[in-house]
N, C-alpha and C. Protein backbone atom coordinates (compact mmCIF):
# COMPACT_ATOMS: atom_id res chain seq x y z
N MET A 1 -5.68 3.18 16.60
CA MET A 1 -5.98 4.30 15.66
C MET A 1 -6.22 5.51 16.59
N ASN A 2 -5.84 6.53 16.54
CA ASN A 2 -6.33 7.66 17.13
C ASN A 2 -7.11 8.51 16.40
N GLN A 3 -7.73 9.62 17.28
CA GLN A 3 -8.61 10.61 16.54
C GLN A 3 -7.97 11.45 15.36
N ALA A 4 -6.46 11.85 15.60
CA ALA A 4 -5.69 12.52 14.73
C ALA A 4 -5.73 11.69 13.33
N SER A 5 -5.86 10.47 13.28
CA SER A 5 -5.62 9.69 12.19
C SER A 5 -6.70 9.79 11.37
N LEU A 6 -7.95 9.82 12.15
CA LEU A 6 -9.24 10.15 11.27
C LEU A 6 -9.63 11.37 10.53
N GLN A 7 -8.73 12.52 11.20
CA GLN A 7 -9.14 13.84 10.67
C GLN A 7 -8.29 14.03 9.54
N THR A 8 -8.64 15.00 8.74
CA THR A 8 -8.01 15.11 7.27
C THR A 8 -7.01 16.35 7.64
N SER A 9 -5.98 16.38 6.68
CA SER A 9 -5.00 17.26 7.09
C SER A 9 -5.44 18.83 6.59
N PRO A 10 -4.77 19.74 7.38
CA PRO A 10 -5.06 21.04 7.24
C PRO A 10 -5.40 21.34 5.54
N GLY A 11 -4.44 20.96 4.53
CA GLY A 11 -4.44 21.22 3.21
C GLY A 11 -5.50 20.18 2.48
N GLY A 12 -6.31 19.47 3.39
CA GLY A 12 -6.97 18.51 2.44
C GLY A 12 -6.49 17.35 2.55
N ARG A 13 -7.26 16.21 1.74
CA ARG A 13 -6.66 14.84 2.02
C ARG A 13 -5.53 14.44 1.08
N GLY A 14 -5.24 15.34 0.04
CA GLY A 14 -4.40 15.30 -0.82
C GLY A 14 -4.48 14.20 -1.85
N TRP A 15 -4.20 14.59 -3.15
CA TRP A 15 -4.72 13.99 -4.39
C TRP A 15 -4.08 12.49 -4.52
N ILE A 16 -2.87 12.42 -3.88
CA ILE A 16 -2.31 10.97 -3.97
C ILE A 16 -3.11 10.05 -3.32
N LYS A 17 -3.41 10.45 -1.99
CA LYS A 17 -4.30 9.63 -1.00
C LYS A 17 -5.59 9.34 -1.67
N LEU A 18 -6.09 10.29 -2.42
CA LEU A 18 -7.59 10.16 -2.89
C LEU A 18 -7.19 8.99 -4.19
N VAL A 19 -6.28 9.15 -4.99
CA VAL A 19 -5.87 8.31 -6.06
C VAL A 19 -5.89 6.69 -5.49
N PHE A 20 -5.15 6.66 -4.29
CA PHE A 20 -4.99 5.26 -3.80
C PHE A 20 -6.30 4.84 -3.24
N GLU A 21 -6.86 5.67 -2.47
CA GLU A 21 -8.29 5.03 -2.04
C GLU A 21 -9.25 4.83 -3.17
N PHE A 22 -9.16 5.45 -4.15
CA PHE A 22 -10.07 5.44 -5.35
C PHE A 22 -9.83 3.93 -6.11
N VAL A 23 -8.44 3.78 -6.21
CA VAL A 23 -7.78 2.45 -7.06
C VAL A 23 -8.43 1.44 -5.99
N GLY A 24 -8.32 1.48 -4.71
CA GLY A 24 -8.63 0.58 -3.70
C GLY A 24 -10.27 0.20 -3.75
N VAL A 25 -10.90 1.08 -3.76
CA VAL A 25 -12.49 1.14 -3.89
C VAL A 25 -12.89 0.20 -5.23
N MET A 26 -12.17 0.82 -6.29
CA MET A 26 -12.45 0.30 -7.77
C MET A 26 -12.23 -1.26 -7.65
N ALA A 27 -11.09 -1.50 -7.04
CA ALA A 27 -10.71 -2.96 -7.06
C ALA A 27 -11.83 -3.79 -6.28
N PHE A 28 -12.13 -3.23 -5.15
CA PHE A 28 -13.11 -4.06 -4.35
C PHE A 28 -14.39 -4.20 -5.09
N VAL A 29 -14.84 -3.22 -5.63
CA VAL A 29 -16.12 -3.16 -6.54
C VAL A 29 -15.93 -4.15 -7.61
N ILE A 30 -14.84 -4.33 -8.29
CA ILE A 30 -14.62 -5.30 -9.33
C ILE A 30 -14.55 -6.72 -8.92
N MET A 31 -13.95 -6.88 -7.56
CA MET A 31 -13.83 -8.12 -7.09
C MET A 31 -15.12 -8.52 -6.68
N PHE A 32 -15.69 -7.77 -5.94
CA PHE A 32 -17.11 -8.10 -5.39
C PHE A 32 -17.98 -8.73 -6.40
N ALA A 33 -18.01 -7.53 -7.75
CA ALA A 33 -18.79 -7.90 -8.69
C ALA A 33 -18.70 -9.12 -9.57
N SER A 34 -17.31 -9.47 -9.60
CA SER A 34 -16.92 -10.60 -10.30
C SER A 34 -17.20 -11.74 -9.62
N THR A 35 -16.83 -11.89 -8.44
CA THR A 35 -17.30 -12.85 -7.52
C THR A 35 -18.53 -13.10 -7.52
N LEU A 36 -19.49 -12.22 -7.19
CA LEU A 36 -20.98 -12.47 -7.52
C LEU A 36 -21.21 -13.04 -8.42
N LEU A 37 -20.96 -12.44 -9.70
CA LEU A 37 -21.48 -12.94 -11.01
C LEU A 37 -20.80 -14.64 -11.08
N GLY A 38 -19.60 -15.00 -10.68
CA GLY A 38 -19.21 -16.14 -10.78
C GLY A 38 -20.19 -17.26 -9.96
N VAL A 39 -20.51 -16.80 -8.85
CA VAL A 39 -21.36 -17.49 -7.98
C VAL A 39 -22.53 -17.83 -8.43
N ILE A 40 -23.22 -16.51 -9.07
CA ILE A 40 -24.74 -16.73 -9.64
C ILE A 40 -24.67 -17.65 -10.98
N ALA A 41 -23.49 -17.56 -11.65
CA ALA A 41 -23.18 -18.60 -12.75
C ALA A 41 -23.23 -19.95 -12.26
N ARG A 42 -22.49 -20.06 -11.37
CA ARG A 42 -22.64 -21.67 -10.84
C ARG A 42 -23.88 -22.03 -10.40
N TYR A 43 -24.53 -21.38 -9.55
CA TYR A 43 -25.81 -21.42 -8.92
C TYR A 43 -26.82 -21.83 -9.86
N PHE A 44 -27.12 -21.12 -11.07
CA PHE A 44 -28.00 -21.43 -12.01
C PHE A 44 -27.41 -22.10 -13.29
N GLU A 45 -26.07 -22.54 -13.10
CA GLU A 45 -25.47 -23.57 -13.97
C GLU A 45 -25.32 -22.90 -15.66
N PHE A 46 -24.96 -21.35 -15.72
CA PHE A 46 -24.87 -21.13 -17.02
C PHE A 46 -23.47 -21.04 -17.06
N GLY A 47 -22.73 -20.91 -18.28
CA GLY A 47 -21.22 -20.87 -18.39
C GLY A 47 -20.87 -19.62 -19.17
N GLY A 48 -19.67 -19.60 -19.58
CA GLY A 48 -19.22 -18.34 -20.34
C GLY A 48 -18.70 -17.48 -19.32
N VAL A 49 -18.65 -17.35 -18.00
CA VAL A 49 -18.14 -16.50 -17.07
C VAL A 49 -17.06 -17.00 -16.23
N GLU A 50 -16.39 -17.94 -16.76
CA GLU A 50 -15.21 -18.57 -16.03
C GLU A 50 -14.15 -17.70 -15.75
N TRP A 51 -13.80 -16.55 -16.52
CA TRP A 51 -13.20 -15.27 -16.37
C TRP A 51 -13.36 -14.68 -15.06
N SER A 52 -14.58 -14.61 -14.56
CA SER A 52 -14.78 -13.94 -13.25
C SER A 52 -14.03 -14.07 -12.06
N PHE A 53 -13.63 -15.24 -11.94
CA PHE A 53 -12.72 -15.74 -10.87
C PHE A 53 -11.21 -15.30 -11.14
N GLU A 54 -11.09 -15.28 -12.37
CA GLU A 54 -9.65 -14.75 -12.44
C GLU A 54 -9.55 -13.16 -12.52
N VAL A 55 -10.73 -12.73 -12.69
CA VAL A 55 -10.66 -10.97 -12.46
C VAL A 55 -10.86 -10.87 -11.00
N ALA A 56 -11.66 -11.68 -10.28
CA ALA A 56 -11.45 -11.54 -8.90
C ALA A 56 -10.33 -11.71 -8.08
N SER A 57 -9.61 -12.66 -8.71
CA SER A 57 -8.09 -12.86 -8.11
C SER A 57 -7.37 -11.82 -8.29
N ILE A 58 -7.36 -11.16 -9.58
CA ILE A 58 -6.44 -10.11 -9.79
C ILE A 58 -6.83 -8.75 -8.93
N ALA A 59 -8.20 -8.46 -8.69
CA ALA A 59 -8.59 -7.25 -8.24
C ALA A 59 -8.22 -7.58 -6.55
N PHE A 60 -8.34 -8.93 -6.21
CA PHE A 60 -7.88 -9.09 -4.62
C PHE A 60 -6.49 -8.66 -4.64
N ILE A 61 -5.61 -8.98 -5.40
CA ILE A 61 -4.27 -8.65 -5.18
C ILE A 61 -3.91 -7.33 -5.19
N TRP A 62 -4.60 -6.63 -6.03
CA TRP A 62 -4.46 -5.05 -5.97
C TRP A 62 -4.93 -4.59 -4.72
N ILE A 63 -6.06 -5.07 -4.20
CA ILE A 63 -6.62 -4.40 -2.85
C ILE A 63 -5.88 -4.66 -1.89
N THR A 64 -5.06 -5.78 -1.82
CA THR A 64 -4.03 -6.13 -0.80
C THR A 64 -3.03 -5.09 -0.74
N PHE A 65 -2.24 -5.03 -1.87
CA PHE A 65 -1.18 -4.16 -2.25
C PHE A 65 -1.52 -2.66 -1.93
N VAL A 66 -2.53 -2.18 -2.54
CA VAL A 66 -3.04 -0.82 -2.49
C VAL A 66 -3.56 -0.44 -0.97
N GLY A 67 -4.02 -1.69 -0.38
CA GLY A 67 -4.57 -1.34 1.15
C GLY A 67 -3.41 -1.20 1.85
N VAL A 68 -1.97 -1.71 1.75
CA VAL A 68 -1.09 -1.85 2.39
C VAL A 68 -0.55 -0.29 2.43
N VAL A 69 -0.51 0.22 1.21
CA VAL A 69 -0.08 1.74 0.82
C VAL A 69 -1.10 2.56 1.64
N ASN A 70 -2.48 2.35 1.53
CA ASN A 70 -3.33 3.33 2.11
C ASN A 70 -2.95 3.31 3.76
N ALA A 71 -2.71 2.02 4.32
CA ALA A 71 -2.51 2.18 5.79
C ALA A 71 -1.39 2.72 5.98
N GLU A 72 -0.29 2.43 5.33
CA GLU A 72 1.18 3.14 5.57
C GLU A 72 1.05 4.78 5.54
N MET A 73 0.08 5.23 4.69
CA MET A 73 0.00 6.52 4.49
C MET A 73 -0.71 7.14 5.69
N ARG A 74 -1.56 6.42 6.16
CA ARG A 74 -2.25 7.09 7.59
C ARG A 74 -1.41 6.68 8.71
N ARG A 75 -0.37 6.14 8.61
CA ARG A 75 0.52 5.50 9.53
C ARG A 75 0.08 4.57 10.45
N GLU A 76 -0.75 3.66 10.01
CA GLU A 76 -1.37 2.69 10.96
C GLU A 76 -0.44 1.43 10.73
N ASN A 77 0.75 1.59 11.45
CA ASN A 77 1.52 0.47 11.43
C ASN A 77 1.40 -0.22 12.72
N VAL A 78 1.05 -1.31 12.71
CA VAL A 78 0.39 -2.08 14.06
C VAL A 78 1.27 -2.40 14.81
N ALA A 79 2.61 -2.69 14.27
CA ALA A 79 4.10 -3.06 14.91
C ALA A 79 4.36 -1.99 15.94
N PHE A 80 4.06 -0.83 15.28
CA PHE A 80 5.00 0.41 16.15
C PHE A 80 3.78 1.41 16.99
N GLU A 81 2.53 1.20 16.60
CA GLU A 81 1.58 1.92 17.08
C GLU A 81 1.41 2.04 18.62
N ALA A 82 1.42 1.19 19.34
CA ALA A 82 1.32 0.99 20.84
C ALA A 82 2.46 1.40 21.53
N ILE A 83 3.68 1.05 21.13
CA ILE A 83 4.80 1.43 21.78
C ILE A 83 5.38 2.77 21.43
N ASN A 84 4.81 3.52 20.26
CA ASN A 84 5.07 4.65 19.69
C ASN A 84 4.41 5.83 20.81
N HIS A 85 2.99 5.45 20.66
CA HIS A 85 2.07 6.49 21.44
C HIS A 85 2.48 6.37 23.07
N ALA A 86 3.07 5.23 23.57
CA ALA A 86 3.41 5.51 25.10
C ALA A 86 4.81 5.91 25.49
N SER A 87 5.55 6.24 24.44
CA SER A 87 6.89 6.66 24.58
C SER A 87 6.96 7.96 24.70
N PRO A 88 8.10 8.52 25.51
CA PRO A 88 8.50 9.92 25.56
C PRO A 88 8.95 10.26 24.23
N PRO A 89 8.90 11.72 23.85
CA PRO A 89 9.40 12.33 22.44
C PRO A 89 10.56 11.82 22.22
N ARG A 90 11.77 11.66 22.73
CA ARG A 90 12.95 11.32 22.15
C ARG A 90 13.00 9.85 21.84
N ILE A 91 12.40 8.97 22.38
CA ILE A 91 11.97 7.53 22.19
C ILE A 91 11.20 7.49 20.95
N LYS A 92 10.24 8.22 21.00
CA LYS A 92 9.10 8.37 19.87
C LYS A 92 9.90 8.54 18.53
N ALA A 93 10.96 9.80 18.63
CA ALA A 93 11.54 10.17 17.38
C ALA A 93 12.43 8.77 16.88
N PHE A 94 13.20 8.22 17.90
CA PHE A 94 13.95 6.90 17.53
C PHE A 94 13.12 6.11 16.76
N PHE A 95 11.88 5.75 17.31
CA PHE A 95 11.18 4.85 16.83
C PHE A 95 10.46 5.14 15.57
N ASP A 96 10.13 6.38 15.29
CA ASP A 96 9.93 6.84 13.96
C ASP A 96 10.93 6.88 12.86
N ALA A 97 12.18 7.00 13.37
CA ALA A 97 13.31 6.86 12.31
C ALA A 97 13.42 5.28 12.06
N VAL A 98 13.50 4.46 13.13
CA VAL A 98 13.48 2.90 12.75
C VAL A 98 12.48 2.47 11.90
N ALA A 99 11.26 2.99 12.10
CA ALA A 99 10.28 2.67 11.09
C ALA A 99 10.47 3.06 9.76
N ALA A 100 10.81 4.36 9.37
CA ALA A 100 11.04 4.87 8.38
C ALA A 100 11.99 4.03 7.71
N ALA A 101 13.29 3.81 8.30
CA ALA A 101 14.21 2.95 7.75
C ALA A 101 14.06 1.81 7.34
N ALA A 102 13.00 0.93 8.18
CA ALA A 102 12.49 -0.32 7.88
C ALA A 102 11.54 -0.17 6.71
N LEU A 103 10.70 0.79 6.65
CA LEU A 103 9.95 1.07 5.43
C LEU A 103 10.70 1.34 4.04
N LEU A 104 11.72 2.03 4.19
CA LEU A 104 12.63 2.25 3.31
C LEU A 104 13.57 0.69 2.53
N THR A 105 13.56 0.01 3.52
CA THR A 105 14.48 -1.10 3.13
C THR A 105 13.41 -2.10 2.66
N MET A 106 12.31 -2.22 3.14
CA MET A 106 11.03 -2.94 2.43
C MET A 106 10.69 -2.48 1.17
N GLY A 107 10.42 -1.23 0.93
CA GLY A 107 10.13 -0.82 -0.29
C GLY A 107 11.26 -0.85 -1.22
N MET A 108 12.53 -0.82 -1.02
CA MET A 108 13.64 -1.08 -2.05
C MET A 108 13.58 -2.76 -2.20
N ALA A 109 13.34 -3.50 -1.31
CA ALA A 109 13.11 -5.03 -1.47
C ALA A 109 12.19 -5.28 -2.48
N PHE A 110 10.86 -4.56 -2.30
CA PHE A 110 9.86 -4.74 -3.24
C PHE A 110 10.15 -4.16 -4.59
N LEU A 111 10.79 -3.06 -4.63
CA LEU A 111 10.86 -2.42 -6.03
C LEU A 111 12.08 -3.38 -6.71
N PHE A 112 12.93 -3.78 -6.26
CA PHE A 112 14.12 -4.77 -6.90
C PHE A 112 13.59 -5.91 -7.33
N SER A 113 12.74 -6.60 -6.46
CA SER A 113 12.23 -8.04 -6.72
C SER A 113 11.24 -7.74 -7.88
N GLY A 114 10.30 -6.84 -7.44
CA GLY A 114 9.04 -6.68 -8.50
C GLY A 114 9.65 -6.31 -9.84
N TRP A 115 10.91 -5.50 -9.89
CA TRP A 115 11.34 -5.34 -11.29
C TRP A 115 11.84 -6.39 -11.92
N ALA A 116 12.54 -7.28 -11.14
CA ALA A 116 13.18 -8.50 -11.59
C ALA A 116 12.05 -9.48 -12.02
N VAL A 117 10.80 -9.58 -11.46
CA VAL A 117 9.94 -10.69 -11.91
C VAL A 117 9.18 -9.81 -13.18
N TRP A 118 8.98 -8.58 -13.08
CA TRP A 118 8.61 -7.75 -14.33
C TRP A 118 9.22 -8.12 -15.53
N GLN A 119 10.55 -8.03 -15.32
CA GLN A 119 11.30 -8.12 -16.64
C GLN A 119 11.35 -9.59 -17.13
N ARG A 120 11.07 -10.57 -16.23
CA ARG A 120 11.10 -11.71 -16.91
C ARG A 120 9.57 -12.35 -17.35
N SER A 121 8.69 -11.77 -16.56
CA SER A 121 7.35 -12.43 -17.10
C SER A 121 6.26 -11.53 -17.26
N TRP A 122 6.56 -10.11 -17.50
CA TRP A 122 5.40 -9.38 -17.71
C TRP A 122 4.31 -9.54 -18.78
N MET A 123 4.92 -10.28 -19.87
CA MET A 123 4.02 -10.50 -21.09
C MET A 123 3.38 -11.95 -20.98
N VAL A 124 3.82 -12.72 -19.76
CA VAL A 124 3.59 -14.07 -19.87
C VAL A 124 1.72 -13.89 -19.63
N PRO A 125 1.08 -14.73 -20.33
CA PRO A 125 -0.46 -14.50 -20.28
C PRO A 125 -1.00 -15.42 -19.10
N THR A 126 -1.96 -14.78 -18.53
CA THR A 126 -2.83 -15.43 -17.42
C THR A 126 -3.68 -16.50 -17.98
N SER A 127 -4.02 -17.31 -17.28
CA SER A 127 -4.63 -18.90 -18.06
C SER A 127 -6.02 -18.54 -18.39
N VAL A 128 -6.66 -17.75 -18.09
CA VAL A 128 -8.01 -17.71 -18.66
C VAL A 128 -8.29 -16.47 -19.74
N LEU A 129 -8.17 -15.43 -19.34
CA LEU A 129 -8.27 -14.31 -20.19
C LEU A 129 -6.97 -13.96 -21.03
N ARG A 130 -5.77 -14.57 -20.57
CA ARG A 130 -4.68 -14.33 -21.58
C ARG A 130 -4.14 -12.86 -21.50
N LEU A 131 -4.57 -12.28 -20.26
CA LEU A 131 -3.87 -10.86 -19.96
C LEU A 131 -2.58 -11.22 -19.79
N PRO A 132 -1.65 -10.12 -19.85
CA PRO A 132 -0.47 -10.08 -19.26
C PRO A 132 -0.20 -10.04 -17.83
N THR A 133 0.76 -11.19 -17.40
CA THR A 133 0.73 -10.96 -15.84
C THR A 133 1.30 -9.70 -15.12
N GLY A 134 1.86 -8.85 -16.25
CA GLY A 134 2.28 -7.41 -15.77
C GLY A 134 1.40 -6.92 -14.81
N ILE A 135 0.00 -7.07 -15.25
CA ILE A 135 -0.95 -6.35 -14.43
C ILE A 135 -0.93 -6.86 -12.94
N ILE A 136 -0.57 -8.02 -12.57
CA ILE A 136 -0.40 -8.47 -11.29
C ILE A 136 0.95 -7.93 -10.76
N THR A 137 1.83 -8.16 -11.43
CA THR A 137 3.39 -7.62 -10.97
C THR A 137 3.45 -6.23 -10.78
N ALA A 138 2.74 -5.41 -11.34
CA ALA A 138 2.74 -4.04 -11.20
C ALA A 138 2.23 -3.46 -9.74
N THR A 139 1.56 -4.47 -9.07
CA THR A 139 1.24 -4.24 -7.84
C THR A 139 2.35 -4.14 -6.76
N VAL A 140 3.32 -4.96 -7.11
CA VAL A 140 4.63 -4.95 -6.16
C VAL A 140 5.40 -3.98 -6.68
N LEU A 141 5.21 -3.41 -8.01
CA LEU A 141 6.38 -2.22 -8.14
C LEU A 141 5.53 -0.95 -7.45
N VAL A 142 4.18 -0.83 -7.52
CA VAL A 142 3.58 0.18 -7.05
C VAL A 142 3.82 0.25 -5.47
N LEU A 143 3.84 -0.90 -4.78
CA LEU A 143 4.14 -0.89 -3.47
C LEU A 143 5.46 -0.31 -3.04
N GLY A 144 6.41 -0.89 -4.04
CA GLY A 144 7.87 -0.62 -3.50
C GLY A 144 8.05 0.85 -3.93
N VAL A 145 7.73 1.52 -4.90
CA VAL A 145 7.81 3.01 -5.21
C VAL A 145 7.15 3.69 -4.09
N SER A 146 5.92 3.57 -3.80
CA SER A 146 5.05 4.22 -2.64
C SER A 146 6.01 3.97 -1.33
N ALA A 147 6.30 2.99 -1.22
CA ALA A 147 6.94 2.88 0.34
C ALA A 147 8.43 3.65 0.11
N VAL A 148 9.17 3.62 -0.74
CA VAL A 148 10.29 4.20 -1.05
C VAL A 148 10.12 5.67 -0.53
N CYS A 149 9.17 6.16 -1.45
CA CYS A 149 8.66 7.70 -1.50
C CYS A 149 8.38 8.15 -0.09
N MET A 150 7.35 7.23 0.42
CA MET A 150 6.79 7.62 2.08
C MET A 150 8.18 7.58 2.86
N ALA A 151 8.96 6.67 2.84
CA ALA A 151 10.18 6.51 3.90
C ALA A 151 10.92 7.79 3.67
N LEU A 152 11.44 8.20 2.39
CA LEU A 152 12.36 9.26 2.31
C LEU A 152 11.82 10.51 2.65
N SER A 153 10.36 10.47 2.53
CA SER A 153 9.68 11.94 2.80
C SER A 153 9.78 11.83 4.26
N ARG A 154 9.49 10.78 5.18
CA ARG A 154 9.58 10.69 6.71
C ARG A 154 10.96 11.09 7.03
N LEU A 155 12.03 10.41 6.62
CA LEU A 155 13.28 10.47 6.84
C LEU A 155 13.72 11.96 6.77
N ALA A 156 13.54 12.68 5.72
CA ALA A 156 13.73 14.11 5.46
C ALA A 156 12.96 14.88 6.41
N GLY A 157 11.91 14.63 6.97
CA GLY A 157 11.09 15.13 8.00
C GLY A 157 11.89 15.09 9.43
N ILE A 158 12.07 13.96 9.69
CA ILE A 158 12.90 13.63 10.88
C ILE A 158 14.28 14.48 10.92
N LEU A 159 15.12 14.32 9.89
CA LEU A 159 16.48 15.01 9.76
C LEU A 159 16.02 16.47 9.85
N ALA A 160 14.87 17.29 9.17
CA ALA A 160 14.71 18.65 9.35
C ALA A 160 14.56 18.84 10.70
N THR A 161 13.58 18.06 11.36
CA THR A 161 13.51 18.42 12.90
C THR A 161 14.60 18.22 13.71
N LEU A 162 15.54 17.22 13.70
CA LEU A 162 16.73 17.21 14.15
C LEU A 162 17.45 18.34 13.99
N ARG A 163 17.50 19.07 12.58
CA ARG A 163 18.51 20.05 12.49
C ARG A 163 17.77 21.30 13.15
N THR A 164 16.38 21.31 13.03
CA THR A 164 15.75 22.79 13.67
C THR A 164 15.79 22.69 15.32
N HIS A 165 15.86 21.50 16.02
CA HIS A 165 15.99 21.57 17.43
C HIS A 165 17.48 21.27 17.99
N GLY A 166 18.30 21.35 17.09
CA GLY A 166 19.76 21.05 17.40
C GLY A 166 19.97 19.86 17.92
N GLY A 167 19.46 18.73 17.29
CA GLY A 167 19.86 17.39 17.79
C GLY A 167 18.76 16.74 18.89
N LYS A 168 17.62 17.43 19.61
CA LYS A 168 17.03 17.44 20.32
C LYS A 168 15.74 16.83 19.86
N ALA A 169 15.71 15.40 19.40
CA ALA A 169 14.40 15.09 18.75
C ALA A 169 13.03 15.18 19.82
N GLY A 170 12.20 15.53 19.07
CA GLY A 170 10.93 15.51 19.87
C GLY A 170 10.61 17.10 20.56
N ALA A 171 11.56 17.70 20.66
CA ALA A 171 11.60 19.16 21.52
C ALA A 171 10.67 20.08 20.75
N ALA A 172 9.66 20.80 21.62
CA ALA A 172 8.80 21.58 20.97
C ALA A 172 8.92 23.00 21.33
């Protein structure tokens, strides 16, 4: 991670980033509190809070998928980070395009498979609280839509840069 990724953008952090960060933090708080409640209930041997572990599981799934979106918004892709920073501008532009295409492919896969699962099982109740499993499946759809939007935005930026610099990627 470099210093630029720690700084806010000139226009602020952006409301979409704030929404995803807020959802991630709330999911973590819910997971932590429900896990703690379940542990305390087991230690003091009182019942009625069996639901707490189901809530913790659902929150953990949300943390995982929202965390992927947050990391990708910050461009903290471990696979390309070291190579990308060490490369000359033309190679860096190529890696950026490959990463955006891979993100688009992954996003489409999550979107299509998430939609297929959603259609078949969104109203199937969970085992304890009897909540619709669509609460869990929605994470796959959110990740898919987010990844597709980020990839299209990045590809549009790459194409605009190529047009501006007459096909010379990375020219300043």
